[in-house]
Amino acid sequence: ASLDGRRSTVPGVQNPQEVSVGFFHVLNADHAIKGSA
């Protein structure tokens, strides 16, 4: 889980902030899946 923020590239626009949750799952020695919201 993370909290991220940055300066907006567009002058006058509020600096974006967002939260995210995600996973990374190893299926086997050669494959993995991942996802986030």
ModelCIF file with pLDDT and N, C-alpha, C, O atoms, coordinates in Angstrom:
data_MODEL
#
_entry.id   MODEL 
#
_entity.id                         1 
_entity.type                       polymer 
_entity.pdbx_number_of_molecules   1 
#
_entity_poly.entity_id                      1 
_entity_poly.type                           'polypeptide(L)' 
_entity_poly.nstd_linkage                   no 
_entity_poly.nstd_monomer                   no 
_entity_poly.pdbx_seq_one_letter_code       ASLDGRRSTVPGVQNPQEVSVGFFHVLNADHAIKGSA 
_entity_poly.pdbx_seq_one_letter_code_can   ASLDGRRSTVPGVQNPQEVSVGFFHVLNADHAIKGSA 
_entity_poly.pdbx_strand_id                 A 
#
loop_
_entity_poly_seq.entity_id 
_entity_poly_seq.num 
_entity_poly_seq.mon_id 
_entity_poly_seq.hetero 
1 1  ALA n 
1 2  SER n 
1 3  LEU n 
1 4  ASP n 
1 5  GLY n 
1 6  ARG n 
1 7  ARG n 
1 8  SER n 
1 9  THR n 
1 10 VAL n 
1 11 PRO n 
1 12 GLY n 
1 13 VAL n 
1 14 GLN n 
1 15 ASN n 
1 16 PRO n 
1 17 GLN n 
1 18 GLU n 
1 19 VAL n 
1 20 SER n 
1 21 VAL n 
1 22 GLY n 
1 23 PHE n 
1 24 PHE n 
1 25 HIS n 
1 26 VAL n 
1 27 LEU n 
1 28 ASN n 
1 29 ALA n 
1 30 ASP n 
1 31 HIS n 
1 32 ALA n 
1 33 ILE n 
1 34 LYS n 
1 35 GLY n 
1 36 SER n 
1 37 ALA n 
#
_struct_asym.id          A 
_struct_asym.entity_id   1 
#
loop_
_ma_qa_metric.id 
_ma_qa_metric.mode 
_ma_qa_metric.name 
_ma_qa_metric.software_group_id 
_ma_qa_metric.type 
1 global pLDDT . pLDDT 
2 local  pLDDT . pLDDT 
#
_ma_qa_metric_global.metric_id      1 
_ma_qa_metric_global.metric_value   95.51 
_ma_qa_metric_global.model_id       1 
_ma_qa_metric_global.ordinal_id     1 
#
loop_
_ma_qa_metric_local.label_asym_id 
_ma_qa_metric_local.label_comp_id 
_ma_qa_metric_local.label_seq_id 
_ma_qa_metric_local.metric_id 
_ma_qa_metric_local.metric_value 
_ma_qa_metric_local.model_id 
_ma_qa_metric_local.ordinal_id 
A ALA 1  2 98.00 1 1  
A SER 2  2 98.00 1 2  
A LEU 3  2 98.00 1 3  
A ASP 4  2 97.00 1 4  
A GLY 5  2 97.00 1 5  
A ARG 6  2 96.00 1 6  
A ARG 7  2 95.00 1 7  
A SER 8  2 93.00 1 8  
A THR 9  2 90.00 1 9  
A VAL 10 2 87.00 1 10 
A PRO 11 2 87.00 1 11 
A GLY 12 2 86.00 1 12 
A VAL 13 2 89.00 1 13 
A GLN 14 2 93.00 1 14 
A ASN 15 2 95.00 1 15 
A PRO 16 2 95.00 1 16 
A GLN 17 2 96.00 1 17 
A GLU 18 2 97.00 1 18 
A VAL 19 2 98.00 1 19 
A SER 20 2 98.00 1 20 
A VAL 21 2 98.00 1 21 
A GLY 22 2 98.00 1 22 
A PHE 23 2 98.00 1 23 
A PHE 24 2 97.00 1 24 
A HIS 25 2 98.00 1 25 
A VAL 26 2 97.00 1 26 
A LEU 27 2 97.00 1 27 
A ASN 28 2 96.00 1 28 
A ALA 29 2 93.00 1 29 
A ASP 30 2 95.00 1 30 
A HIS 31 2 97.00 1 31 
A ALA 32 2 97.00 1 32 
A ILE 33 2 98.00 1 33 
A LYS 34 2 98.00 1 34 
A GLY 35 2 98.00 1 35 
A SER 36 2 98.00 1 36 
A ALA 37 2 98.00 1 37 
#
loop_
_atom_site.group_PDB 
_atom_site.id 
_atom_site.type_symbol 
_atom_site.label_atom_id 
_atom_site.label_alt_id 
_atom_site.label_comp_id 
_atom_site.label_asym_id 
_atom_site.label_entity_id 
_atom_site.label_seq_id 
_atom_site.pdbx_PDB_ins_code 
_atom_site.Cartn_x 
_atom_site.Cartn_y 
_atom_site.Cartn_z 
_atom_site.occupancy 
_atom_site.B_iso_or_equiv 
_atom_site.pdbx_formal_charge 
_atom_site.auth_seq_id 
_atom_site.auth_comp_id 
_atom_site.auth_asym_id 
_atom_site.auth_atom_id 
_atom_site.pdbx_PDB_model_num 
ATOM 1   N N  . ALA A 1 1  ? 0.858  -1.180  0.000   1.00 98.00 ? 1  ALA A N  1 
ATOM 2   C CA . ALA A 1 1  ? 0.000  0.000   0.000   1.00 98.00 ? 1  ALA A CA 1 
ATOM 3   C C  . ALA A 1 1  ? 0.896  1.233   0.000   1.00 98.00 ? 1  ALA A C  1 
ATOM 4   O O  . ALA A 1 1  ? 1.985  1.204   0.573   1.00 98.00 ? 1  ALA A O  1 
ATOM 5   N N  . SER A 1 2  ? 0.451  2.316   -0.636  1.00 98.00 ? 2  SER A N  1 
ATOM 6   C CA . SER A 1 2  ? 1.293  3.508   -0.712  1.00 98.00 ? 2  SER A CA 1 
ATOM 7   C C  . SER A 1 2  ? 0.464  4.777   -0.827  1.00 98.00 ? 2  SER A C  1 
ATOM 8   O O  . SER A 1 2  ? -0.693 4.755   -1.248  1.00 98.00 ? 2  SER A O  1 
ATOM 9   N N  . LEU A 1 3  ? 1.085  5.872   -0.445  1.00 98.00 ? 3  LEU A N  1 
ATOM 10  C CA . LEU A 1 3  ? 0.569  7.230   -0.653  1.00 98.00 ? 3  LEU A CA 1 
ATOM 11  C C  . LEU A 1 3  ? 1.560  7.939   -1.553  1.00 98.00 ? 3  LEU A C  1 
ATOM 12  O O  . LEU A 1 3  ? 2.750  7.995   -1.240  1.00 98.00 ? 3  LEU A O  1 
ATOM 13  N N  . ASP A 1 4  ? 1.090  8.482   -2.665  1.00 97.00 ? 4  ASP A N  1 
ATOM 14  C CA . ASP A 1 4  ? 1.961  9.124   -3.642  1.00 97.00 ? 4  ASP A CA 1 
ATOM 15  C C  . ASP A 1 4  ? 1.464  10.529  -3.960  1.00 97.00 ? 4  ASP A C  1 
ATOM 16  O O  . ASP A 1 4  ? 0.260  10.785  -4.006  1.00 97.00 ? 4  ASP A O  1 
ATOM 17  N N  . GLY A 1 5  ? 2.403  11.422  -4.177  1.00 97.00 ? 5  GLY A N  1 
ATOM 18  C CA . GLY A 1 5  ? 2.067  12.792  -4.550  1.00 97.00 ? 5  GLY A CA 1 
ATOM 19  C C  . GLY A 1 5  ? 3.100  13.349  -5.501  1.00 97.00 ? 5  GLY A C  1 
ATOM 20  O O  . GLY A 1 5  ? 4.217  12.838  -5.589  1.00 97.00 ? 5  GLY A O  1 
ATOM 21  N N  . ARG A 1 6  ? 2.730  14.391  -6.210  1.00 96.00 ? 6  ARG A N  1 
ATOM 22  C CA . ARG A 1 6  ? 3.648  15.011  -7.157  1.00 96.00 ? 6  ARG A CA 1 
ATOM 23  C C  . ARG A 1 6  ? 3.173  16.415  -7.494  1.00 96.00 ? 6  ARG A C  1 
ATOM 24  O O  . ARG A 1 6  ? 2.016  16.767  -7.266  1.00 96.00 ? 6  ARG A O  1 
ATOM 25  N N  . ARG A 1 7  ? 4.064  17.192  -8.028  1.00 95.00 ? 7  ARG A N  1 
ATOM 26  C CA . ARG A 1 7  ? 3.710  18.522  -8.509  1.00 95.00 ? 7  ARG A CA 1 
ATOM 27  C C  . ARG A 1 7  ? 2.981  18.384  -9.837  1.00 95.00 ? 7  ARG A C  1 
ATOM 28  O O  . ARG A 1 7  ? 3.400  17.614  -10.700 1.00 95.00 ? 7  ARG A O  1 
ATOM 29  N N  . SER A 1 8  ? 1.898  19.121  -10.004 1.00 93.00 ? 8  SER A N  1 
ATOM 30  C CA . SER A 1 8  ? 1.161  19.060  -11.263 1.00 93.00 ? 8  SER A CA 1 
ATOM 31  C C  . SER A 1 8  ? 1.988  19.661  -12.388 1.00 93.00 ? 8  SER A C  1 
ATOM 32  O O  . SER A 1 8  ? 2.675  20.665  -12.199 1.00 93.00 ? 8  SER A O  1 
ATOM 33  N N  . THR A 1 9  ? 1.916  19.046  -13.548 1.00 90.00 ? 9  THR A N  1 
ATOM 34  C CA . THR A 1 9  ? 2.605  19.594  -14.711 1.00 90.00 ? 9  THR A CA 1 
ATOM 35  C C  . THR A 1 9  ? 1.911  20.827  -15.257 1.00 90.00 ? 9  THR A C  1 
ATOM 36  O O  . THR A 1 9  ? 2.539  21.639  -15.936 1.00 90.00 ? 9  THR A O  1 
ATOM 37  N N  . VAL A 1 10 ? 0.618  20.982  -14.971 1.00 87.00 ? 10 VAL A N  1 
ATOM 38  C CA . VAL A 1 10 ? -0.159 22.105  -15.495 1.00 87.00 ? 10 VAL A CA 1 
ATOM 39  C C  . VAL A 1 10 ? -0.200 23.208  -14.450 1.00 87.00 ? 10 VAL A C  1 
ATOM 40  O O  . VAL A 1 10 ? -0.705 22.972  -13.352 1.00 87.00 ? 10 VAL A O  1 
ATOM 41  N N  . PRO A 1 11 ? 0.305  24.401  -14.739 1.00 87.00 ? 11 PRO A N  1 
ATOM 42  C CA . PRO A 1 11 ? 0.276  25.486  -13.754 1.00 87.00 ? 11 PRO A CA 1 
ATOM 43  C C  . PRO A 1 11 ? -1.157 25.817  -13.327 1.00 87.00 ? 11 PRO A C  1 
ATOM 44  O O  . PRO A 1 11 ? -2.069 25.885  -14.151 1.00 87.00 ? 11 PRO A O  1 
ATOM 45  N N  . GLY A 1 12 ? -1.330 26.021  -12.013 1.00 86.00 ? 12 GLY A N  1 
ATOM 46  C CA . GLY A 1 12 ? -2.635 26.380  -11.491 1.00 86.00 ? 12 GLY A CA 1 
ATOM 47  C C  . GLY A 1 12 ? -3.508 25.218  -11.104 1.00 86.00 ? 12 GLY A C  1 
ATOM 48  O O  . GLY A 1 12 ? -4.567 25.421  -10.509 1.00 86.00 ? 12 GLY A O  1 
ATOM 49  N N  . VAL A 1 13 ? -3.098 23.994  -11.423 1.00 89.00 ? 13 VAL A N  1 
ATOM 50  C CA . VAL A 1 13 ? -3.867 22.802  -11.071 1.00 89.00 ? 13 VAL A CA 1 
ATOM 51  C C  . VAL A 1 13 ? -3.335 22.233  -9.761  1.00 89.00 ? 13 VAL A C  1 
ATOM 52  O O  . VAL A 1 13 ? -2.127 22.226  -9.527  1.00 89.00 ? 13 VAL A O  1 
ATOM 53  N N  . GLN A 1 14 ? -4.250 21.750  -8.898  1.00 93.00 ? 14 GLN A N  1 
ATOM 54  C CA . GLN A 1 14 ? -3.855 21.208  -7.608  1.00 93.00 ? 14 GLN A CA 1 
ATOM 55  C C  . GLN A 1 14 ? -2.904 20.029  -7.782  1.00 93.00 ? 14 GLN A C  1 
ATOM 56  O O  . GLN A 1 14 ? -3.109 19.176  -8.646  1.00 93.00 ? 14 GLN A O  1 
ATOM 57  N N  . ASN A 1 15 ? -1.865 19.990  -6.956  1.00 95.00 ? 15 ASN A N  1 
ATOM 58  C CA . ASN A 1 15 ? -0.885 18.910  -7.028  1.00 95.00 ? 15 ASN A CA 1 
ATOM 59  C C  . ASN A 1 15 ? -1.549 17.574  -6.702  1.00 95.00 ? 15 ASN A C  1 
ATOM 60  O O  . ASN A 1 15 ? -2.151 17.445  -5.636  1.00 95.00 ? 15 ASN A O  1 
ATOM 61  N N  . PRO A 1 16 ? -1.459 16.574  -7.587  1.00 95.00 ? 16 PRO A N  1 
ATOM 62  C CA . PRO A 1 16 ? -2.164 15.298  -7.380  1.00 95.00 ? 16 PRO A CA 1 
ATOM 63  C C  . PRO A 1 16 ? -1.627 14.517  -6.195  1.00 95.00 ? 16 PRO A C  1 
ATOM 64  O O  . PRO A 1 16 ? -0.426 14.514  -5.925  1.00 95.00 ? 16 PRO A O  1 
ATOM 65  N N  . GLN A 1 17 ? -2.538 13.856  -5.493  1.00 96.00 ? 17 GLN A N  1 
ATOM 66  C CA . GLN A 1 17 ? -2.205 12.881  -4.465  1.00 96.00 ? 17 GLN A CA 1 
ATOM 67  C C  . GLN A 1 17 ? -3.132 11.686  -4.645  1.00 96.00 ? 17 GLN A C  1 
ATOM 68  O O  . GLN A 1 17 ? -4.295 11.848  -5.013  1.00 96.00 ? 17 GLN A O  1 
ATOM 69  N N  . GLU A 1 18 ? -2.623 10.493  -4.388  1.00 97.00 ? 18 GLU A N  1 
ATOM 70  C CA . GLU A 1 18 ? -3.443 9.294   -4.515  1.00 97.00 ? 18 GLU A CA 1 
ATOM 71  C C  . GLU A 1 18 ? -2.940 8.197   -3.601  1.00 97.00 ? 18 GLU A C  1 
ATOM 72  O O  . GLU A 1 18 ? -1.780 8.200   -3.190  1.00 97.00 ? 18 GLU A O  1 
ATOM 73  N N  . VAL A 1 19 ? -3.810 7.267   -3.287  1.00 98.00 ? 19 VAL A N  1 
ATOM 74  C CA . VAL A 1 19 ? -3.452 6.084   -2.513  1.00 98.00 ? 19 VAL A CA 1 
ATOM 75  C C  . VAL A 1 19 ? -3.643 4.867   -3.403  1.00 98.00 ? 19 VAL A C  1 
ATOM 76  O O  . VAL A 1 19 ? -4.480 4.871   -4.306  1.00 98.00 ? 19 VAL A O  1 
ATOM 77  N N  . SER A 1 20 ? -2.861 3.823   -3.141  1.00 98.00 ? 20 SER A N  1 
ATOM 78  C CA . SER A 1 20 ? -2.966 2.617   -3.952  1.00 98.00 ? 20 SER A CA 1 
ATOM 79  C C  . SER A 1 20 ? -2.710 1.391   -3.092  1.00 98.00 ? 20 SER A C  1 
ATOM 80  O O  . SER A 1 20 ? -2.003 1.456   -2.086  1.00 98.00 ? 20 SER A O  1 
ATOM 81  N N  . VAL A 1 21 ? -3.296 0.274   -3.503  1.00 98.00 ? 21 VAL A N  1 
ATOM 82  C CA . VAL A 1 21 ? -3.022 -1.027  -2.911  1.00 98.00 ? 21 VAL A CA 1 
ATOM 83  C C  . VAL A 1 21 ? -2.749 -1.992  -4.056  1.00 98.00 ? 21 VAL A C  1 
ATOM 84  O O  . VAL A 1 21 ? -3.351 -1.873  -5.123  1.00 98.00 ? 21 VAL A O  1 
ATOM 85  N N  . GLY A 1 22 ? -1.851 -2.942  -3.846  1.00 98.00 ? 22 GLY A N  1 
ATOM 86  C CA . GLY A 1 22 ? -1.507 -3.858  -4.917  1.00 98.00 ? 22 GLY A CA 1 
ATOM 87  C C  . GLY A 1 22 ? -0.925 -5.152  -4.409  1.00 98.00 ? 22 GLY A C  1 
ATOM 88  O O  . GLY A 1 22 ? -0.667 -5.313  -3.216  1.00 98.00 ? 22 GLY A O  1 
ATOM 89  N N  . PHE A 1 23 ? -0.719 -6.086  -5.344  1.00 98.00 ? 23 PHE A N  1 
ATOM 90  C CA . PHE A 1 23 ? -0.145 -7.385  -4.992  1.00 98.00 ? 23 PHE A CA 1 
ATOM 91  C C  . PHE A 1 23 ? 0.788  -7.850  -6.088  1.00 98.00 ? 23 PHE A C  1 
ATOM 92  O O  . PHE A 1 23 ? 0.685  -7.423  -7.237  1.00 98.00 ? 23 PHE A O  1 
ATOM 93  N N  . PHE A 1 24 ? 1.701  -8.731  -5.717  1.00 97.00 ? 24 PHE A N  1 
ATOM 94  C CA . PHE A 1 24 ? 2.589  -9.415  -6.658  1.00 97.00 ? 24 PHE A CA 1 
ATOM 95  C C  . PHE A 1 24 ? 2.658  -10.864 -6.199  1.00 97.00 ? 24 PHE A C  1 
ATOM 96  O O  . PHE A 1 24 ? 3.119  -11.142 -5.091  1.00 97.00 ? 24 PHE A O  1 
ATOM 97  N N  . HIS A 1 25 ? 2.203  -11.794 -7.042  1.00 98.00 ? 25 HIS A N  1 
ATOM 98  C CA . HIS A 1 25 ? 2.108  -13.200 -6.661  1.00 98.00 ? 25 HIS A CA 1 
ATOM 99  C C  . HIS A 1 25 ? 2.935  -14.053 -7.610  1.00 98.00 ? 25 HIS A C  1 
ATOM 100 O O  . HIS A 1 25 ? 2.752  -13.996 -8.826  1.00 98.00 ? 25 HIS A O  1 
ATOM 101 N N  . VAL A 1 26 ? 3.846  -14.844 -7.050  1.00 97.00 ? 26 VAL A N  1 
ATOM 102 C CA . VAL A 1 26 ? 4.686  -15.746 -7.834  1.00 97.00 ? 26 VAL A CA 1 
ATOM 103 C C  . VAL A 1 26 ? 3.934  -17.052 -8.045  1.00 97.00 ? 26 VAL A C  1 
ATOM 104 O O  . VAL A 1 26 ? 3.630  -17.762 -7.087  1.00 97.00 ? 26 VAL A O  1 
ATOM 105 N N  . LEU A 1 27 ? 3.633  -17.370 -9.313  1.00 97.00 ? 27 LEU A N  1 
ATOM 106 C CA . LEU A 1 27 ? 2.932  -18.612 -9.635  1.00 97.00 ? 27 LEU A CA 1 
ATOM 107 C C  . LEU A 1 27 ? 3.879  -19.806 -9.617  1.00 97.00 ? 27 LEU A C  1 
ATOM 108 O O  . LEU A 1 27 ? 3.563  -20.857 -9.059  1.00 97.00 ? 27 LEU A O  1 
ATOM 109 N N  . ASN A 1 28 ? 5.042  -19.629 -10.236 1.00 96.00 ? 28 ASN A N  1 
ATOM 110 C CA . ASN A 1 28 ? 6.067  -20.672 -10.285 1.00 96.00 ? 28 ASN A CA 1 
ATOM 111 C C  . ASN A 1 28 ? 7.394  -20.012 -10.621 1.00 96.00 ? 28 ASN A C  1 
ATOM 112 O O  . ASN A 1 28 ? 7.511  -18.788 -10.570 1.00 96.00 ? 28 ASN A O  1 
ATOM 113 N N  . ALA A 1 29 ? 8.387  -20.809 -10.962 1.00 93.00 ? 29 ALA A N  1 
ATOM 114 C CA . ALA A 1 29 ? 9.730  -20.267 -11.203 1.00 93.00 ? 29 ALA A CA 1 
ATOM 115 C C  . ALA A 1 29 ? 9.787  -19.329 -12.398 1.00 93.00 ? 29 ALA A C  1 
ATOM 116 O O  . ALA A 1 29 ? 10.711 -18.523 -12.500 1.00 93.00 ? 29 ALA A O  1 
ATOM 117 N N  . ASP A 1 30 ? 8.815  -19.416 -13.309 1.00 95.00 ? 30 ASP A N  1 
ATOM 118 C CA . ASP A 1 30 ? 8.886  -18.636 -14.542 1.00 95.00 ? 30 ASP A CA 1 
ATOM 119 C C  . ASP A 1 30 ? 7.735  -17.649 -14.728 1.00 95.00 ? 30 ASP A C  1 
ATOM 120 O O  . ASP A 1 30 ? 7.760  -16.869 -15.680 1.00 95.00 ? 30 ASP A O  1 
ATOM 121 N N  . HIS A 1 31 ? 6.734  -17.656 -13.860 1.00 97.00 ? 31 HIS A N  1 
ATOM 122 C CA . HIS A 1 31 ? 5.559  -16.809 -14.065 1.00 97.00 ? 31 HIS A CA 1 
ATOM 123 C C  . HIS A 1 31 ? 5.123  -16.130 -12.770 1.00 97.00 ? 31 HIS A C  1 
ATOM 124 O O  . HIS A 1 31 ? 5.261  -16.688 -11.682 1.00 97.00 ? 31 HIS A O  1 
ATOM 125 N N  . ALA A 1 32 ? 4.595  -14.915 -12.910 1.00 97.00 ? 32 ALA A N  1 
ATOM 126 C CA . ALA A 1 32 ? 4.026  -14.180 -11.780 1.00 97.00 ? 32 ALA A CA 1 
ATOM 127 C C  . ALA A 1 32 ? 2.895  -13.311 -12.308 1.00 97.00 ? 32 ALA A C  1 
ATOM 128 O O  . ALA A 1 32 ? 2.853  -12.992 -13.496 1.00 97.00 ? 32 ALA A O  1 
ATOM 129 N N  . ILE A 1 33 ? 1.981  -12.930 -11.428 1.00 98.00 ? 33 ILE A N  1 
ATOM 130 C CA . ILE A 1 33 ? 0.914  -12.001 -11.759 1.00 98.00 ? 33 ILE A CA 1 
ATOM 131 C C  . ILE A 1 33 ? 0.955  -10.847 -10.762 1.00 98.00 ? 33 ILE A C  1 
ATOM 132 O O  . ILE A 1 33 ? 1.466  -10.990 -9.651  1.00 98.00 ? 33 ILE A O  1 
ATOM 133 N N  . LYS A 1 34 ? 0.411  -9.700  -11.173 1.00 98.00 ? 34 LYS A N  1 
ATOM 134 C CA . LYS A 1 34 ? 0.407  -8.525  -10.304 1.00 98.00 ? 34 LYS A CA 1 
ATOM 135 C C  . LYS A 1 34 ? -0.805 -7.674  -10.633 1.00 98.00 ? 34 LYS A C  1 
ATOM 136 O O  . LYS A 1 34 ? -1.383 -7.793  -11.713 1.00 98.00 ? 34 LYS A O  1 
ATOM 137 N N  . GLY A 1 35 ? -1.186 -6.819  -9.702  1.00 98.00 ? 35 GLY A N  1 
ATOM 138 C CA . GLY A 1 35 ? -2.320 -5.947  -9.924  1.00 98.00 ? 35 GLY A CA 1 
ATOM 139 C C  . GLY A 1 35 ? -2.364 -4.868  -8.870  1.00 98.00 ? 35 GLY A C  1 
ATOM 140 O O  . GLY A 1 35 ? -1.729 -4.990  -7.823  1.00 98.00 ? 35 GLY A O  1 
ATOM 141 N N  . SER A 1 36 ? -3.117 -3.800  -9.143  1.00 98.00 ? 36 SER A N  1 
ATOM 142 C CA . SER A 1 36 ? -3.266 -2.724  -8.163  1.00 98.00 ? 36 SER A CA 1 
ATOM 143 C C  . SER A 1 36 ? -4.535 -1.938  -8.458  1.00 98.00 ? 36 SER A C  1 
ATOM 144 O O  . SER A 1 36 ? -5.079 -1.986  -9.561  1.00 98.00 ? 36 SER A O  1 
ATOM 145 N N  . ALA A 1 37 ? -4.989 -1.217  -7.447  1.00 98.00 ? 37 ALA A N  1 
ATOM 146 C CA . ALA A 1 37 ? -6.105 -0.288  -7.568  1.00 98.00 ? 37 ALA A CA 1 
ATOM 147 C C  . ALA A 1 37 ? -5.696 1.005   -6.883  1.00 98.00 ? 37 ALA A C  1 
ATOM 148 O O  . ALA A 1 37 ? -6.475 1.958   -6.847  1.00 98.00 ? 37 ALA A O  1 
#
